[in-house]
Amino acid sequence: MNGDDDLEGDLDGGDLDGGGGGDVLGSEPRPARSRRTVRTLWIVGLAVAALVIGLSVNSRYGDGNHRAEAAPGPTATSSSPEPPPIRIDADRAPAVTAWYAGGGKQAVSVLSVDSDRIAVDHIRQDFNALGSDCSQLSRDVAAAQAYLPLPDAGAQDSWAAALGHLELGADGCVDGVTHSLSSQLSAASSEMYTGTMTLLSLQSQLDKINRAAVAH
């Protein structure tokens, strides 16, 4: 199945429908989608949001109780830079593998699902779902931040950076939806895009280390 098929399945009622992420140490993590699929999902979502975000917020708050702020929507293109490659010290691989197996993989998976849902909310122009899903992401980021730090300095820096971007994005999204601030939603979505791509890069390296450990 290619990335476009995965994207079509997500929008046609796949595993992105339904409630929020849930407990970091809860259910079995879902298989990671390809970097191309997630990147495409966010690029499409942000492109749609750039066209409709002001109109959608104005429509939602058209009763006069709120006034949407006119501002450009979030942007991302296929040429947007990806985060630099993440390198994990081979000597730290056993400790990193233990971190991943002990709850890190579930934490990463939960955040990935949250991020995918938010991108789909943009595509569907569903601002009710967006507010709810951003709130869920905020809770799941807090749970991930409470988990043990990654036992590799470079990987931990990337993990902390991803969580920081996602935290700023989630909180800004909730505030933007609540107060109908389109510029806030724009900035929040860009933060979440950066956090998602950093998370995806880290996940790729963690999966490689985990597969190597299993093979031995």
Protein backbone atom coordinates (compact mmCIF):
# COMPACT_ATOMS: atom_id res chain seq x y z
CA MET A 1 0.00 0.00 0.00
CA ASN A 2 1.46 3.37 -0.91
CA GLY A 3 1.28 6.62 1.01
CA ASP A 4 -1.64 7.99 -1.01
CA ASP A 5 -3.68 4.85 -0.29
CA ASP A 6 -2.94 5.26 3.43
CA LEU A 7 -4.07 8.88 3.31
CA GLU A 8 -7.28 7.97 1.51
CA GLY A 9 -8.00 5.27 4.09
CA ASP A 10 -7.49 7.71 6.97
CA LEU A 11 -10.03 10.13 5.53
CA ASP A 12 -12.53 7.40 4.70
CA GLY A 13 -13.06 6.39 8.31
CA GLY A 14 -9.91 4.51 9.26
CA ASP A 15 -8.18 4.56 12.61
CA LEU A 16 -8.33 8.33 12.95
CA ASP A 17 -12.05 8.48 13.65
CA GLY A 18 -13.32 8.37 17.19
CA GLY A 19 -11.96 9.58 20.50
CA GLY A 20 -8.65 10.93 21.63
CA GLY A 21 -5.30 9.33 22.24
CA GLY A 22 -5.57 7.92 25.73
CA ASP A 23 -3.08 6.64 28.30
CA VAL A 24 0.54 6.57 27.16
CA LEU A 25 0.98 3.13 28.71
CA GLY A 26 -2.39 1.84 27.56
CA SER A 27 -3.32 -0.04 24.40
CA GLU A 28 -0.97 -1.63 21.89
CA PRO A 29 0.72 0.96 19.62
CA ARG A 30 -0.39 1.06 16.00
CA PRO A 31 2.15 0.46 13.20
CA ALA A 32 3.93 3.64 12.15
CA ARG A 33 2.88 5.15 8.84
CA SER A 34 5.57 6.15 6.39
CA ARG A 35 7.19 9.56 6.64
CA ARG A 36 5.83 10.34 3.16
CA THR A 37 2.26 9.57 4.21
CA VAL A 38 2.37 11.67 7.39
CA ARG A 39 4.10 14.53 5.59
CA THR A 40 1.47 14.42 2.82
CA LEU A 41 -1.31 14.35 5.41
CA TRP A 42 -0.01 17.50 7.08
CA ILE A 43 0.78 19.34 3.85
CA VAL A 44 -2.74 18.73 2.56
CA GLY A 45 -4.25 19.64 5.92
CA LEU A 46 -2.36 22.91 6.21
CA ALA A 47 -3.01 23.82 2.59
CA VAL A 48 -6.75 23.41 3.12
CA ALA A 49 -6.56 25.32 6.40
CA ALA A 50 -4.77 28.20 4.69
CA LEU A 51 -7.78 28.61 2.40
CA VAL A 52 -10.64 28.11 4.83
CA ILE A 53 -9.48 28.80 8.39
CA GLY A 54 -10.73 32.38 8.57
CA LEU A 55 -14.05 31.54 6.92
CA SER A 56 -14.59 28.48 9.10
CA VAL A 57 -13.92 30.31 12.35
CA ASN A 58 -16.10 33.23 11.30
CA SER A 59 -18.88 30.82 10.42
CA ARG A 60 -18.62 29.02 13.73
CA TYR A 61 -18.77 32.26 15.69
CA GLY A 62 -21.20 34.05 13.42
CA ASP A 63 -23.54 34.87 16.28
CA GLY A 64 -21.64 38.07 17.05
CA ASN A 65 -20.35 36.88 20.42
CA HIS A 66 -16.89 36.37 18.96
CA ARG A 67 -15.05 38.09 16.21
CA ALA A 68 -12.56 36.08 14.21
CA GLU A 69 -9.27 37.78 13.55
CA ALA A 70 -8.34 38.02 9.88
CA ALA A 71 -5.00 36.35 9.26
CA PRO A 72 -3.40 33.93 6.84
CA GLY A 73 -3.74 30.26 7.58
CA PRO A 74 -0.89 27.86 8.36
CA THR A 75 1.39 26.89 5.51
CA ALA A 76 3.65 24.00 4.63
CA THR A 77 4.89 22.80 1.29
CA SER A 78 6.54 19.68 -0.07
CA SER A 79 9.81 21.61 0.02
CA SER A 80 9.52 22.49 3.74
CA PRO A 81 12.77 21.44 5.43
CA GLU A 82 12.80 18.24 7.45
CA PRO A 83 14.56 18.05 10.80
CA PRO A 84 18.22 17.00 10.69
CA PRO A 85 18.99 13.28 10.96
CA ILE A 86 18.98 11.94 14.50
CA ARG A 87 21.99 9.85 15.48
CA ILE A 88 21.93 7.63 18.54
CA ASP A 89 25.17 6.49 20.18
CA ALA A 90 25.62 2.75 19.58
CA ASP A 91 26.80 2.33 23.19
CA ARG A 92 23.45 3.65 24.38
CA ALA A 93 21.40 1.34 22.16
CA PRO A 94 20.51 -1.22 24.89
CA ALA A 95 19.30 1.51 27.25
CA VAL A 96 17.39 3.23 24.44
CA THR A 97 15.76 -0.08 23.48
CA ALA A 98 14.66 -0.60 27.07
CA TRP A 99 13.24 2.94 27.16
CA TYR A 100 11.30 2.27 23.97
CA ALA A 101 9.94 -1.08 25.12
CA GLY A 102 9.08 0.22 28.59
CA GLY A 103 6.65 2.89 27.40
CA GLY A 104 8.45 5.13 24.93
CA LYS A 105 7.04 3.39 21.87
CA GLN A 106 3.51 3.78 23.18
CA ALA A 107 4.11 7.45 23.96
CA VAL A 108 5.39 8.11 20.44
CA SER A 109 2.49 6.20 18.88
CA VAL A 110 -0.14 8.08 20.88
CA LEU A 111 1.31 11.45 19.87
CA SER A 112 1.48 10.36 16.22
CA VAL A 113 -2.20 9.39 16.24
CA ASP A 114 -3.14 12.71 17.86
CA SER A 115 -1.17 14.63 15.25
CA ASP A 116 -2.74 12.71 12.38
CA ARG A 117 -6.22 13.41 13.71
CA ILE A 118 -5.50 17.13 13.89
CA ALA A 119 -4.23 17.17 10.30
CA VAL A 120 -7.42 15.42 9.19
CA ASP A 121 -9.51 17.95 11.15
CA HIS A 122 -7.93 20.67 9.03
CA ILE A 123 -8.71 18.78 5.83
CA ARG A 124 -12.31 18.24 6.92
CA GLN A 125 -12.64 21.83 8.15
CA ASP A 126 -14.01 20.43 11.42
CA PHE A 127 -13.22 23.01 14.08
CA ASN A 128 -15.29 21.30 16.76
CA ALA A 129 -13.16 18.18 16.40
CA LEU A 130 -10.02 20.30 16.14
CA GLY A 131 -10.53 21.84 19.57
CA SER A 132 -11.19 18.45 21.14
CA ASP A 133 -8.25 16.76 19.44
CA CYS A 134 -5.86 19.57 20.35
CA SER A 135 -6.95 19.25 23.99
CA GLN A 136 -6.23 15.53 23.81
CA LEU A 137 -2.81 16.19 22.31
CA SER A 138 -2.03 18.61 25.15
CA ARG A 139 -2.86 15.91 27.71
CA ASP A 140 -0.84 13.28 25.89
CA VAL A 141 2.17 15.58 25.58
CA ALA A 142 2.03 16.15 29.35
CA ALA A 143 1.95 12.37 29.91
CA ALA A 144 4.92 11.89 27.57
CA GLN A 145 6.87 14.63 29.35
CA ALA A 146 6.27 12.82 32.65
CA TYR A 147 7.83 9.63 31.27
CA LEU A 148 11.53 8.89 31.72
CA PRO A 149 14.00 10.89 29.61
CA LEU A 150 15.60 9.11 26.67
CA PRO A 151 18.97 7.66 27.77
CA ASP A 152 20.87 9.21 24.85
CA ALA A 153 21.71 12.92 24.84
CA GLY A 154 21.06 13.56 21.14
CA ALA A 155 17.87 11.53 21.04
CA GLN A 156 16.62 13.21 24.23
CA ASP A 157 17.24 16.63 22.69
CA SER A 158 15.10 15.63 19.69
CA TRP A 159 12.41 14.11 21.93
CA ALA A 160 12.27 17.24 24.08
CA ALA A 161 12.16 19.45 20.98
CA ALA A 162 9.31 17.44 19.47
CA LEU A 163 7.34 17.58 22.72
CA GLY A 164 8.01 21.30 23.05
CA HIS A 165 6.70 22.06 19.56
CA LEU A 166 3.67 19.82 20.07
CA GLU A 167 2.93 21.41 23.44
CA LEU A 168 3.05 24.93 22.01
CA GLY A 169 0.96 23.83 19.06
CA ALA A 170 -1.68 22.05 21.13
CA ASP A 171 -2.08 24.86 23.65
CA GLY A 172 -2.15 27.50 20.92
CA CYS A 173 -4.69 25.49 18.97
CA VAL A 174 -7.03 25.20 21.96
CA ASP A 175 -6.72 28.92 22.62
CA GLY A 176 -7.22 29.77 18.94
CA VAL A 177 -10.35 27.65 18.63
CA THR A 178 -11.76 28.88 21.95
CA HIS A 179 -11.27 32.56 21.14
CA SER A 180 -11.57 32.31 17.34
CA LEU A 181 -8.07 33.66 16.70
CA SER A 182 -7.04 32.54 13.25
CA SER A 183 -3.48 33.86 13.60
CA GLN A 184 -3.12 31.75 16.76
CA LEU A 185 -4.35 28.69 14.90
CA SER A 186 -1.90 29.41 12.11
CA ALA A 187 1.08 29.59 14.45
CA ALA A 188 -0.12 26.55 16.40
CA SER A 189 -0.47 24.42 13.29
CA SER A 190 3.03 25.31 12.16
CA GLU A 191 4.37 24.29 15.59
CA MET A 192 2.54 20.98 15.39
CA TYR A 193 3.87 20.33 11.89
CA THR A 194 7.45 20.89 13.08
CA GLY A 195 6.89 18.74 16.16
CA THR A 196 5.33 15.96 14.10
CA MET A 197 8.20 15.82 11.60
CA THR A 198 10.77 15.81 14.44
CA LEU A 199 8.84 13.03 16.17
CA LEU A 200 8.68 11.03 12.95
CA SER A 201 12.43 11.32 12.41
CA LEU A 202 13.09 10.17 15.97
CA GLN A 203 10.61 7.31 15.65
CA SER A 204 12.41 6.06 12.55
CA GLN A 205 15.71 5.81 14.42
CA LEU A 206 14.13 4.21 17.47
CA ASP A 207 12.42 1.59 15.31
CA LYS A 208 15.74 0.75 13.63
CA ILE A 209 17.47 0.25 16.97
CA ASN A 210 14.57 -1.81 18.25
CA ARG A 211 14.56 -4.06 15.17
CA ALA A 212 18.32 -4.58 15.49
CA ALA A 213 17.92 -5.57 19.14
CA VAL A 214 15.17 -8.05 18.31
CA ALA A 215 17.25 -9.55 15.49
CA HIS A 216 20.01 -10.32 17.97
